[in-house]
């Protein structure tokens, strides 16, 4: 996709720049951070390409979910000054990604479906029964944590007991996080069902605020951090041996897997139709979940972001 349609990235003369796969972050005064969500798409722990409108969908949808779940756990949002930007509390991230799964699905090395099909029945410390069909429901939503990889590496599967025993998260805090994660997933499942979706799984990240309190950070229930399936076609597709109709980045993962790419070596080129279809799915998911029309921000996005953040940037550089 061409540069006028997408935001590959942006730079600011701000301290503490951290470049993630999709988001860039900078330090701001008063224990705050600026996060800008680009249109970059990652899969298999690699940057694969650019999806029009993706960054705006992720930023605005995450903010919507954060607001909708603030009664369950506080989050890092302070304000959303631009469709692609977020001012957040400067939390200290915890070194564990908390993944909640309700379905036997996935295509990556940390997913449960490939390992189950290979004969494993003890996954992430849980004993699963025989006979679960591909993409079928698990006995109950399961927390399957992974340790965060260093840049360029791969996340490592672990178990809830190993997290507690390792001490990377204080045991009492880890117990609270598990409770919160399941409550968040239950809320997400309910809202998704009302919009005609199955929330198959999702990833949460947590951090500690400057005062030491627990915060939900990064993103939540976005099509980058979650698998959303169309509910109305699911059972028919599974009966016919087809995969779910996905409203997330799974189609891009599958398109890559179809050409033999699983994260190593050069990233193969994908047809423009794959990127356009991904953009349409991101937007449709946003509109159905929120019940509001998606209004693309003014282009070029970089100029708009700089204008909307002028006050923040001026305050940063003021003597």
C-alpha atoms as a PDB file:
ATOM      1  CA  UNK A   1       0.000   0.000   0.000  1.00  0.00           C
ATOM      2  CA  UNK A   2       1.225   3.449  -0.816  1.00  0.00           C
ATOM      3  CA  UNK A   3       2.638   5.878   1.708  1.00  0.00           C
ATOM      4  CA  UNK A   4      -0.262   8.396   1.507  1.00  0.00           C
ATOM      5  CA  UNK A   5      -2.678   5.673   2.658  1.00  0.00           C
ATOM      6  CA  UNK A   6      -0.624   4.267   5.500  1.00  0.00           C
ATOM      7  CA  UNK A   7       1.431   5.325   8.495  1.00  0.00           C
ATOM      8  CA  UNK A   8       4.671   3.371   8.631  1.00  0.00           C
ATOM      9  CA  UNK A   9       6.019   5.356  11.538  1.00  0.00           C
ATOM     10  CA  UNK A  10       6.779   8.797  12.937  1.00  0.00           C
ATOM     11  CA  UNK A  11       9.677  10.339  14.843  1.00  0.00           C
ATOM     12  CA  UNK A  12       9.790  12.944  17.583  1.00  0.00           C
ATOM     13  CA  UNK A  13      12.622  14.701  19.369  1.00  0.00           C
ATOM     14  CA  UNK A  14      11.553  13.153  22.651  1.00  0.00           C
ATOM     15  CA  UNK A  15      13.534  11.060  25.143  1.00  0.00           C
ATOM     16  CA  UNK A  16      13.238   7.357  25.804  1.00  0.00           C
ATOM     17  CA  UNK A  17      12.041   6.234  22.369  1.00  0.00           C
ATOM     18  CA  UNK A  18      10.971   2.583  22.268  1.00  0.00           C
ATOM     19  CA  UNK A  19      10.042   0.998  18.941  1.00  0.00           C
ATOM     20  CA  UNK A  20       7.617  -1.899  19.109  1.00  0.00           C
ATOM     21  CA  UNK A  21       6.323  -4.012  16.267  1.00  0.00           C
ATOM     22  CA  UNK A  22       3.302  -1.744  15.846  1.00  0.00           C
ATOM     23  CA  UNK A  23       3.602   1.060  18.415  1.00  0.00           C
ATOM     24  CA  UNK A  24       6.281   3.623  19.115  1.00  0.00           C
ATOM     25  CA  UNK A  25       6.553   5.186  22.555  1.00  0.00           C
ATOM     26  CA  UNK A  26       8.334   8.187  24.054  1.00  0.00           C
ATOM     27  CA  UNK A  27       8.724   9.580  27.548  1.00  0.00           C
ATOM     28  CA  UNK A  28       6.776  12.684  28.588  1.00  0.00           C
ATOM     29  CA  UNK A  29       7.002  14.777  31.755  1.00  0.00           C
ATOM     30  CA  UNK A  30       4.918  13.958  34.820  1.00  0.00           C
ATOM     31  CA  UNK A  31       5.334  10.179  34.533  1.00  0.00           C
ATOM     32  CA  UNK A  32       3.503   9.950  31.214  1.00  0.00           C
ATOM     33  CA  UNK A  33       4.199   8.283  27.886  1.00  0.00           C
ATOM     34  CA  UNK A  34       3.205   9.059  24.324  1.00  0.00           C
ATOM     35  CA  UNK A  35       2.230   6.053  22.223  1.00  0.00           C
ATOM     36  CA  UNK A  36       1.611   6.240  18.468  1.00  0.00           C
ATOM     37  CA  UNK A  37       0.046   3.246  16.722  1.00  0.00           C
ATOM     38  CA  UNK A  38       1.237   2.736  13.155  1.00  0.00           C
ATOM     39  CA  UNK A  39      -0.268   0.731  10.305  1.00  0.00           C
ATOM     40  CA  UNK A  40       2.488  -1.873  10.588  1.00  0.00           C
ATOM     41  CA  UNK A  41       1.295  -5.461  10.818  1.00  0.00           C
ATOM     42  CA  UNK A  42       3.336  -8.076  12.635  1.00  0.00           C
ATOM     43  CA  UNK A  43       3.046 -11.845  12.392  1.00  0.00           C
ATOM     44  CA  UNK A  44       5.396 -14.595  13.525  1.00  0.00           C
ATOM     45  CA  UNK A  45       7.240 -11.880  15.522  1.00  0.00           C
ATOM     46  CA  UNK A  46       8.137 -10.020  12.300  1.00  0.00           C
ATOM     47  CA  UNK A  47       6.962  -6.826  10.605  1.00  0.00           C
ATOM     48  CA  UNK A  48       5.111  -8.069   7.538  1.00  0.00           C
ATOM     49  CA  UNK A  49       3.614  -4.978   5.888  1.00  0.00           C
ATOM     50  CA  UNK A  50       1.243  -2.015   6.184  1.00  0.00           C
ATOM     51  CA  UNK A  51      -2.555  -2.131   6.453  1.00  0.00           C
ATOM     52  CA  UNK A  52      -4.523   1.070   5.725  1.00  0.00           C
ATOM     53  CA  UNK A  53      -6.466   2.411   8.740  1.00  0.00           C
ATOM     54  CA  UNK A  54      -5.098  -0.336  10.988  1.00  0.00           C
ATOM     55  CA  UNK A  55      -3.327   1.947  13.453  1.00  0.00           C
ATOM     56  CA  UNK A  56      -6.361   4.144  13.915  1.00  0.00           C
ATOM     57  CA  UNK A  57      -8.636   1.143  14.436  1.00  0.00           C
ATOM     58  CA  UNK A  58      -6.282  -0.329  17.032  1.00  0.00           C
ATOM     59  CA  UNK A  59      -5.808   2.918  18.940  1.00  0.00           C
ATOM     60  CA  UNK A  60      -9.464   3.919  19.019  1.00  0.00           C
ATOM     61  CA  UNK A  61     -10.798   0.421  19.642  1.00  0.00           C
ATOM     62  CA  UNK A  62      -8.343  -0.172  22.492  1.00  0.00           C
ATOM     63  CA  UNK A  63      -9.386   3.139  24.061  1.00  0.00           C
ATOM     64  CA  UNK A  64     -13.037   2.093  23.732  1.00  0.00           C
ATOM     65  CA  UNK A  65     -12.375  -1.229  25.451  1.00  0.00           C
ATOM     66  CA  UNK A  66     -10.240   0.364  28.170  1.00  0.00           C
ATOM     67  CA  UNK A  67     -13.150   2.668  29.004  1.00  0.00           C
ATOM     68  CA  UNK A  68     -15.625  -0.227  28.919  1.00  0.00           C
ATOM     69  CA  UNK A  69     -13.608  -2.318  31.383  1.00  0.00           C
ATOM     70  CA  UNK A  70     -12.302   0.341  33.783  1.00  0.00           C
ATOM     71  CA  UNK A  71     -14.662  -1.012  36.457  1.00  0.00           C
ATOM     72  CA  UNK A  72     -12.714  -4.311  36.401  1.00  0.00           C
ATOM     73  CA  UNK A  73      -9.169  -2.943  36.524  1.00  0.00           C
ATOM     74  CA  UNK A  74      -7.612   0.515  36.102  1.00  0.00           C
ATOM     75  CA  UNK A  75      -5.761   1.111  32.833  1.00  0.00           C
ATOM     76  CA  UNK A  76      -3.021   3.389  31.597  1.00  0.00           C
ATOM     77  CA  UNK A  77      -5.100   5.767  29.445  1.00  0.00           C
ATOM     78  CA  UNK A  78      -4.901   9.485  30.206  1.00  0.00           C
ATOM     79  CA  UNK A  79      -6.201  10.935  26.934  1.00  0.00           C
ATOM     80  CA  UNK A  80      -6.507  10.197  23.200  1.00  0.00           C
ATOM     81  CA  UNK A  81      -5.339  13.401  21.460  1.00  0.00           C
ATOM     82  CA  UNK A  82      -5.294  11.908  17.950  1.00  0.00           C
ATOM     83  CA  UNK A  83      -6.885   8.882  16.220  1.00  0.00           C
ATOM     84  CA  UNK A  84      -3.455   7.205  16.190  1.00  0.00           C
ATOM     85  CA  UNK A  85      -2.033   8.545  19.473  1.00  0.00           C
ATOM     86  CA  UNK A  86      -2.468   7.917  23.181  1.00  0.00           C
ATOM     87  CA  UNK A  87      -1.131   9.673  26.261  1.00  0.00           C
ATOM     88  CA  UNK A  88      -0.682   7.063  28.973  1.00  0.00           C
ATOM     89  CA  UNK A  89       0.597   6.623  32.491  1.00  0.00           C
ATOM     90  CA  UNK A  90       4.254   5.583  32.338  1.00  0.00           C
ATOM     91  CA  UNK A  91       3.806   2.112  33.804  1.00  0.00           C
ATOM     92  CA  UNK A  92       6.515  -0.486  34.342  1.00  0.00           C
ATOM     93  CA  UNK A  93       5.508  -3.495  32.211  1.00  0.00           C
ATOM     94  CA  UNK A  94       5.417  -6.909  33.851  1.00  0.00           C
ATOM     95  CA  UNK A  95       7.513  -9.516  31.979  1.00  0.00           C
ATOM     96  CA  UNK A  96       4.614 -11.867  31.200  1.00  0.00           C
ATOM     97  CA  UNK A  97       1.970 -11.761  28.479  1.00  0.00           C
ATOM     98  CA  UNK A  98      -1.333 -13.084  29.793  1.00  0.00           C
ATOM     99  CA  UNK A  99      -3.118 -14.978  27.031  1.00  0.00           C
ATOM    100  CA  UNK A 100      -6.638 -16.265  27.633  1.00  0.00           C
ATOM    101  CA  UNK A 101      -7.923 -18.958  25.282  1.00  0.00           C
ATOM    102  CA  UNK A 102     -11.460 -20.253  24.891  1.00  0.00           C
ATOM    103  CA  UNK A 103     -10.917 -22.213  21.669  1.00  0.00           C
ATOM    104  CA  UNK A 104      -8.483 -24.853  20.415  1.00  0.00           C
ATOM    105  CA  UNK A 105      -7.013 -22.757  17.639  1.00  0.00           C
ATOM    106  CA  UNK A 106      -4.010 -20.859  16.351  1.00  0.00           C
ATOM    107  CA  UNK A 107      -1.171 -21.375  13.912  1.00  0.00           C
ATOM    108  CA  UNK A 108       1.953 -20.169  15.745  1.00  0.00           C
ATOM    109  CA  UNK A 109       4.421 -22.166  17.812  1.00  0.00           C
ATOM    110  CA  UNK A 110       2.822 -20.925  21.043  1.00  0.00           C
ATOM    111  CA  UNK A 111      -0.744 -21.765  19.935  1.00  0.00           C
ATOM    112  CA  UNK A 112      -2.576 -24.800  21.275  1.00  0.00           C
ATOM    113  CA  UNK A 113      -4.028 -26.297  18.081  1.00  0.00           C
ATOM    114  CA  UNK A 114      -0.768 -27.374  16.369  1.00  0.00           C
ATOM    115  CA  UNK A 115       0.514 -28.948  19.575  1.00  0.00           C
ATOM    116  CA  UNK A 116      -2.796 -30.695  20.295  1.00  0.00           C
ATOM    117  CA  UNK A 117      -2.908 -32.104  16.765  1.00  0.00           C
ATOM    118  CA  UNK A 118       0.646 -33.376  17.254  1.00  0.00           C
ATOM    119  CA  UNK A 119      -0.611 -35.470  20.146  1.00  0.00           C
ATOM    120  CA  UNK A 120       0.114 -33.282  23.163  1.00  0.00           C
ATOM    121  CA  UNK A 121      -2.596 -33.286  25.816  1.00  0.00           C
ATOM    122  CA  UNK A 122      -0.817 -31.411  28.597  1.00  0.00           C
ATOM    123  CA  UNK A 123      -0.608 -27.842  27.383  1.00  0.00           C
ATOM    124  CA  UNK A 124       0.438 -24.861  29.506  1.00  0.00           C
ATOM    125  CA  UNK A 125      -0.004 -27.057  32.563  1.00  0.00           C
ATOM    126  CA  UNK A 126      -3.585 -28.071  31.713  1.00  0.00           C
ATOM    127  CA  UNK A 127      -4.673 -31.618  30.919  1.00  0.00           C
ATOM    128  CA  UNK A 128      -6.962 -31.474  27.892  1.00  0.00           C
ATOM    129  CA  UNK A 129      -9.352 -34.271  26.951  1.00  0.00           C
ATOM    130  CA  UNK A 130      -9.227 -36.163  23.684  1.00  0.00           C
ATOM    131  CA  UNK A 131     -11.685 -35.359  20.965  1.00  0.00           C
ATOM    132  CA  UNK A 132     -11.663 -31.571  20.839  1.00  0.00           C
ATOM    133  CA  UNK A 133     -12.220 -30.626  17.190  1.00  0.00           C
ATOM    134  CA  UNK A 134     -10.117 -28.026  15.403  1.00  0.00           C
ATOM    135  CA  UNK A 135     -11.238 -24.564  16.597  1.00  0.00           C
ATOM    136  CA  UNK A 136     -13.653 -26.178  19.045  1.00  0.00           C
ATOM    137  CA  UNK A 137     -14.340 -24.841  22.535  1.00  0.00           C
ATOM    138  CA  UNK A 138     -11.979 -25.662  25.374  1.00  0.00           C
ATOM    139  CA  UNK A 139     -13.530 -27.007  28.594  1.00  0.00           C
ATOM    140  CA  UNK A 140     -13.249 -23.468  30.009  1.00  0.00           C
ATOM    141  CA  UNK A 141     -11.259 -20.319  29.251  1.00  0.00           C
ATOM    142  CA  UNK A 142      -7.617 -21.021  30.100  1.00  0.00           C
ATOM    143  CA  UNK A 143      -4.799 -18.650  31.012  1.00  0.00           C
ATOM    144  CA  UNK A 144      -1.747 -19.621  28.956  1.00  0.00           C
ATOM    145  CA  UNK A 145       1.042 -17.147  29.754  1.00  0.00           C
ATOM    146  CA  UNK A 146       4.179 -16.523  27.762  1.00  0.00           C
ATOM    147  CA  UNK A 147       7.365 -14.807  28.827  1.00  0.00           C
ATOM    148  CA  UNK A 148       8.173 -11.735  26.767  1.00  0.00           C
ATOM    149  CA  UNK A 149      10.966 -12.177  24.268  1.00  0.00           C
ATOM    150  CA  UNK A 150      13.789  -9.745  23.766  1.00  0.00           C
ATOM    151  CA  UNK A 151      13.588  -7.794  20.511  1.00  0.00           C
ATOM    152  CA  UNK A 152      13.926 -10.197  17.595  1.00  0.00           C
ATOM    153  CA  UNK A 153      13.208 -13.261  19.694  1.00  0.00           C
ATOM    154  CA  UNK A 154      10.148 -15.441  20.189  1.00  0.00           C
ATOM    155  CA  UNK A 155       7.839 -15.485  23.189  1.00  0.00           C
ATOM    156  CA  UNK A 156       8.223 -18.599  25.338  1.00  0.00           C
ATOM    157  CA  UNK A 157       5.236 -20.603  26.619  1.00  0.00           C
ATOM    158  CA  UNK A 158       5.074 -21.112  30.373  1.00  0.00           C
ATOM    159  CA  UNK A 159       2.388 -22.006  32.935  1.00  0.00           C
ATOM    160  CA  UNK A 160       0.582 -20.125  35.664  1.00  0.00           C
ATOM    161  CA  UNK A 161       2.400 -22.207  38.278  1.00  0.00           C
ATOM    162  CA  UNK A 162       5.811 -21.546  36.717  1.00  0.00           C
ATOM    163  CA  UNK A 163       5.143 -17.804  36.701  1.00  0.00           C
ATOM    164  CA  UNK A 164       4.291 -17.941  40.409  1.00  0.00           C
ATOM    165  CA  UNK A 165       7.301 -20.131  41.244  1.00  0.00           C
ATOM    166  CA  UNK A 166       9.785 -18.083  39.215  1.00  0.00           C
ATOM    167  CA  UNK A 167       9.090 -14.897  41.097  1.00  0.00           C
ATOM    168  CA  UNK A 168       9.032 -12.764  37.933  1.00  0.00           C
ATOM    169  CA  UNK A 169       5.643 -11.562  39.215  1.00  0.00           C
ATOM    170  CA  UNK A 170       4.947 -11.384  42.950  1.00  0.00           C
ATOM    171  CA  UNK A 171       2.624 -14.323  43.820  1.00  0.00           C
ATOM    172  CA  UNK A 172      -0.185 -12.239  45.311  1.00  0.00           C
ATOM    173  CA  UNK A 173      -0.111  -9.882  42.343  1.00  0.00           C
ATOM    174  CA  UNK A 174      -0.089 -12.841  39.947  1.00  0.00           C
ATOM    175  CA  UNK A 175      -3.207 -14.226  41.626  1.00  0.00           C
ATOM    176  CA  UNK A 176      -4.923 -10.865  41.173  1.00  0.00           C
ATOM    177  CA  UNK A 177      -3.850 -10.680  37.527  1.00  0.00           C
ATOM    178  CA  UNK A 178      -5.340 -14.102  36.779  1.00  0.00           C
ATOM    179  CA  UNK A 179      -8.670 -13.101  38.329  1.00  0.00           C
ATOM    180  CA  UNK A 180      -8.719  -9.820  36.419  1.00  0.00           C
ATOM    181  CA  UNK A 181      -7.784 -11.488  33.118  1.00  0.00           C
ATOM    182  CA  UNK A 182     -10.675 -13.944  33.322  1.00  0.00           C
ATOM    183  CA  UNK A 183     -13.097 -11.129  34.211  1.00  0.00           C
ATOM    184  CA  UNK A 184     -11.866  -9.069  31.262  1.00  0.00           C
ATOM    185  CA  UNK A 185     -12.247 -12.047  28.964  1.00  0.00           C
ATOM    186  CA  UNK A 186     -15.773 -12.697  30.192  1.00  0.00           C
ATOM    187  CA  UNK A 187     -16.691  -9.066  29.483  1.00  0.00           C
ATOM    188  CA  UNK A 188     -15.078  -9.251  26.067  1.00  0.00           C
ATOM    189  CA  UNK A 189     -16.871 -12.508  25.253  1.00  0.00           C
ATOM    190  CA  UNK A 190     -20.231 -11.000  26.183  1.00  0.00           C
ATOM    191  CA  UNK A 191     -19.732  -7.812  24.161  1.00  0.00           C
ATOM    192  CA  UNK A 192     -18.330  -9.705  21.177  1.00  0.00           C
ATOM    193  CA  UNK A 193     -21.312 -12.079  21.171  1.00  0.00           C
ATOM    194  CA  UNK A 194     -23.678  -9.113  21.120  1.00  0.00           C
ATOM    195  CA  UNK A 195     -21.934  -7.886  17.970  1.00  0.00           C
ATOM    196  CA  UNK A 196     -22.036 -11.302  16.291  1.00  0.00           C
ATOM    197  CA  UNK A 197     -18.519 -12.465  17.094  1.00  0.00           C
ATOM    198  CA  UNK A 198     -16.816 -15.277  18.967  1.00  0.00           C
ATOM    199  CA  UNK A 199     -13.815 -14.063  20.963  1.00  0.00           C
ATOM    200  CA  UNK A 200     -11.581 -17.098  20.573  1.00  0.00           C
ATOM    201  CA  UNK A 201      -8.583 -15.820  22.504  1.00  0.00           C
ATOM    202  CA  UNK A 202      -6.807 -12.633  23.462  1.00  0.00           C
ATOM    203  CA  UNK A 203      -3.650 -11.219  25.014  1.00  0.00           C
ATOM    204  CA  UNK A 204      -3.410  -8.859  27.969  1.00  0.00           C
ATOM    205  CA  UNK A 205      -0.411  -6.946  29.219  1.00  0.00           C
ATOM    206  CA  UNK A 206      -0.146  -5.511  32.688  1.00  0.00           C
ATOM    207  CA  UNK A 207       2.165  -3.041  34.370  1.00  0.00           C
ATOM    208  CA  UNK A 208       2.723  -1.220  37.606  1.00  0.00           C
ATOM    209  CA  UNK A 209       1.880   2.473  37.929  1.00  0.00           C
ATOM    210  CA  UNK A 210       4.435   4.791  39.546  1.00  0.00           C
ATOM    211  CA  UNK A 211       2.589   4.256  42.851  1.00  0.00           C
ATOM    212  CA  UNK A 212       2.900   0.464  42.479  1.00  0.00           C
ATOM    213  CA  UNK A 213      -0.735  -0.221  41.637  1.00  0.00           C
ATOM    214  CA  UNK A 214      -1.783  -2.651  38.903  1.00  0.00           C
ATOM    215  CA  UNK A 215      -2.671  -1.262  35.472  1.00  0.00           C
ATOM    216  CA  UNK A 216      -3.881  -2.826  32.236  1.00  0.00           C
ATOM    217  CA  UNK A 217      -1.561  -1.463  29.522  1.00  0.00           C
ATOM    218  CA  UNK A 218      -0.615  -1.717  25.836  1.00  0.00           C
ATOM    219  CA  UNK A 219      -3.862  -2.651  24.029  1.00  0.00           C
ATOM    220  CA  UNK A 220      -6.885  -4.822  24.682  1.00  0.00           C
ATOM    221  CA  UNK A 221      -9.401  -6.784  22.636  1.00  0.00           C
ATOM    222  CA  UNK A 222      -8.080  -5.384  19.365  1.00  0.00           C
ATOM    223  CA  UNK A 223      -7.870  -7.480  16.183  1.00  0.00           C
ATOM    224  CA  UNK A 224      -4.086  -7.537  16.684  1.00  0.00           C
ATOM    225  CA  UNK A 225      -4.225  -8.950  20.198  1.00  0.00           C
ATOM    226  CA  UNK A 226      -7.301 -11.159  19.744  1.00  0.00           C
ATOM    227  CA  UNK A 227      -8.955 -13.664  17.459  1.00  0.00           C
ATOM    228  CA  UNK A 228     -12.476 -12.657  16.492  1.00  0.00           C
ATOM    229  CA  UNK A 229     -14.646 -15.038  14.448  1.00  0.00           C
ATOM    230  CA  UNK A 230     -17.981 -14.469  12.754  1.00  0.00           C
ATOM    231  CA  UNK A 231     -20.500 -16.318  14.921  1.00  0.00           C
ATOM    232  CA  UNK A 232     -23.191 -16.832  12.293  1.00  0.00           C
ATOM    233  CA  UNK A 233     -20.969 -18.858   9.949  1.00  0.00           C
ATOM    234  CA  UNK A 234     -18.821 -20.650  12.517  1.00  0.00           C
ATOM    235  CA  UNK A 235     -20.622 -23.960  13.042  1.00  0.00           C
ATOM    236  CA  UNK A 236     -21.336 -24.447   9.334  1.00  0.00           C
ATOM    237  CA  UNK A 237     -17.727 -23.771   8.406  1.00  0.00           C
ATOM    238  CA  UNK A 238     -16.414 -26.126  11.078  1.00  0.00           C
ATOM    239  CA  UNK A 239     -18.858 -28.837   9.985  1.00  0.00           C
ATOM    240  CA  UNK A 240     -17.456 -28.523   6.462  1.00  0.00           C
ATOM    241  CA  UNK A 241     -13.871 -28.729   7.655  1.00  0.00           C
ATOM    242  CA  UNK A 242     -13.169 -25.059   7.029  1.00  0.00           C
ATOM    243  CA  UNK A 243     -11.495 -22.587   9.313  1.00  0.00           C
ATOM    244  CA  UNK A 244     -13.449 -19.805  11.030  1.00  0.00           C
ATOM    245  CA  UNK A 245     -14.255 -16.553   9.240  1.00  0.00           C
ATOM    246  CA  UNK A 246     -11.704 -14.335  10.957  1.00  0.00           C
ATOM    247  CA  UNK A 247     -11.869 -10.617  11.726  1.00  0.00           C
ATOM    248  CA  UNK A 248      -8.268 -10.234  12.823  1.00  0.00           C
ATOM    249  CA  UNK A 249      -4.824 -10.751  11.341  1.00  0.00           C
ATOM    250  CA  UNK A 250      -5.136 -14.530  11.178  1.00  0.00           C
ATOM    251  CA  UNK A 251      -5.880 -14.433   7.393  1.00  0.00           C
ATOM    252  CA  UNK A 252      -2.517 -12.720   6.884  1.00  0.00           C
ATOM    253  CA  UNK A 253      -0.800 -15.339   9.047  1.00  0.00           C
ATOM    254  CA  UNK A 254      -2.456 -18.084   7.008  1.00  0.00           C
ATOM    255  CA  UNK A 255      -1.527 -16.433   3.697  1.00  0.00           C
ATOM    256  CA  UNK A 256       2.080 -16.381   4.857  1.00  0.00           C
ATOM    257  CA  UNK A 257       1.923 -19.973   6.041  1.00  0.00           C
ATOM    258  CA  UNK A 258       0.478 -20.985   2.663  1.00  0.00           C
ATOM    259  CA  UNK A 259       3.689 -19.810   0.982  1.00  0.00           C
ATOM    260  CA  UNK A 260       5.826 -21.539   3.591  1.00  0.00           C
ATOM    261  CA  UNK A 261       6.725 -18.537   5.745  1.00  0.00           C
ATOM    262  CA  UNK A 262       6.688 -19.052   9.507  1.00  0.00           C
ATOM    263  CA  UNK A 263       8.909 -16.227  10.662  1.00  0.00           C
ATOM    264  CA  UNK A 264      12.351 -17.125   9.341  1.00  0.00           C
ATOM    265  CA  UNK A 265      14.050 -15.753   6.239  1.00  0.00           C
ATOM    266  CA  UNK A 266      12.885 -12.947   3.917  1.00  0.00           C
ATOM    267  CA  UNK A 267       9.273 -11.844   4.253  1.00  0.00           C
ATOM    268  CA  UNK A 268       7.395 -12.879   1.093  1.00  0.00           C
ATOM    269  CA  UNK A 269       5.308 -10.379  -0.863  1.00  0.00           C
ATOM    270  CA  UNK A 270       1.553 -10.827  -0.511  1.00  0.00           C
ATOM    271  CA  UNK A 271      -1.058  -9.700  -3.047  1.00  0.00           C
ATOM    272  CA  UNK A 272      -2.610  -6.245  -2.577  1.00  0.00           C
ATOM    273  CA  UNK A 273      -5.963  -7.958  -2.088  1.00  0.00           C
ATOM    274  CA  UNK A 274      -4.722  -9.502   1.154  1.00  0.00           C
ATOM    275  CA  UNK A 275      -3.887  -6.078   2.598  1.00  0.00           C
ATOM    276  CA  UNK A 276      -7.120  -4.479   1.371  1.00  0.00           C
ATOM    277  CA  UNK A 277      -9.189  -7.329   2.804  1.00  0.00           C
ATOM    278  CA  UNK A 278      -7.357  -7.037   6.116  1.00  0.00           C
ATOM    279  CA  UNK A 279      -8.131  -3.313   6.261  1.00  0.00           C
ATOM    280  CA  UNK A 280     -11.821  -3.936   5.530  1.00  0.00           C
ATOM    281  CA  UNK A 281     -11.994  -6.540   8.300  1.00  0.00           C
ATOM    282  CA  UNK A 282     -10.355  -4.257  10.847  1.00  0.00           C
ATOM    283  CA  UNK A 283     -12.827  -1.474  10.056  1.00  0.00           C
ATOM    284  CA  UNK A 284     -15.874  -3.745  10.065  1.00  0.00           C
ATOM    285  CA  UNK A 285     -14.884  -5.203  13.414  1.00  0.00           C
ATOM    286  CA  UNK A 286     -14.526  -1.706  14.882  1.00  0.00           C
ATOM    287  CA  UNK A 287     -17.933  -0.634  13.640  1.00  0.00           C
ATOM    288  CA  UNK A 288     -19.782  -3.733  14.786  1.00  0.00           C
ATOM    289  CA  UNK A 289     -18.207  -3.801  18.246  1.00  0.00           C
ATOM    290  CA  UNK A 290     -18.572  -0.110  19.011  1.00  0.00           C
ATOM    291  CA  UNK A 291     -21.838   0.465  17.141  1.00  0.00           C
ATOM    292  CA  UNK A 292     -20.339   3.610  15.591  1.00  0.00           C
ATOM    293  CA  UNK A 293     -19.157   4.508  12.109  1.00  0.00           C
ATOM    294  CA  UNK A 294     -15.418   4.463  11.477  1.00  0.00           C
ATOM    295  CA  UNK A 295     -14.274   7.911  10.322  1.00  0.00           C
ATOM    296  CA  UNK A 296     -10.749   7.830   8.887  1.00  0.00           C
ATOM    297  CA  UNK A 297      -8.493  10.571  10.182  1.00  0.00           C
ATOM    298  CA  UNK A 298      -7.214  13.296   7.895  1.00  0.00           C
ATOM    299  CA  UNK A 299      -4.326  12.338   5.639  1.00  0.00           C
ATOM    300  CA  UNK A 300      -1.417  12.453   5.557  1.00  0.00           C
ATOM    301  CA  UNK A 301      -1.537  10.951   9.029  1.00  0.00           C
ATOM    302  CA  UNK A 302       1.893  12.160  10.117  1.00  0.00           C
ATOM    303  CA  UNK A 303       1.016  15.826   9.532  1.00  0.00           C
ATOM    304  CA  UNK A 304      -2.274  15.418  11.403  1.00  0.00           C
ATOM    305  CA  UNK A 305      -0.584  13.692  14.346  1.00  0.00           C
ATOM    306  CA  UNK A 306       2.016  16.442  14.659  1.00  0.00           C
ATOM    307  CA  UNK A 307      -0.711  19.085  14.606  1.00  0.00           C
ATOM    308  CA  UNK A 308      -2.815  17.327  17.234  1.00  0.00           C
ATOM    309  CA  UNK A 309       0.215  16.749  19.452  1.00  0.00           C
ATOM    310  CA  UNK A 310       1.575  20.278  19.095  1.00  0.00           C
ATOM    311  CA  UNK A 311       0.573  21.222  22.631  1.00  0.00           C
ATOM    312  CA  UNK A 312       2.181  18.121  24.083  1.00  0.00           C
ATOM    313  CA  UNK A 313       5.394  18.631  22.110  1.00  0.00           C
ATOM    314  CA  UNK A 314       5.579  22.353  22.881  1.00  0.00           C
ATOM    315  CA  UNK A 315       5.222  21.654  26.591  1.00  0.00           C
ATOM    316  CA  UNK A 316       8.017  19.095  26.356  1.00  0.00           C
ATOM    317  CA  UNK A 317      10.465  21.514  24.761  1.00  0.00           C
ATOM    318  CA  UNK A 318       9.486  24.623  26.747  1.00  0.00           C
ATOM    319  CA  UNK A 319      12.299  26.063  28.912  1.00  0.00           C
END
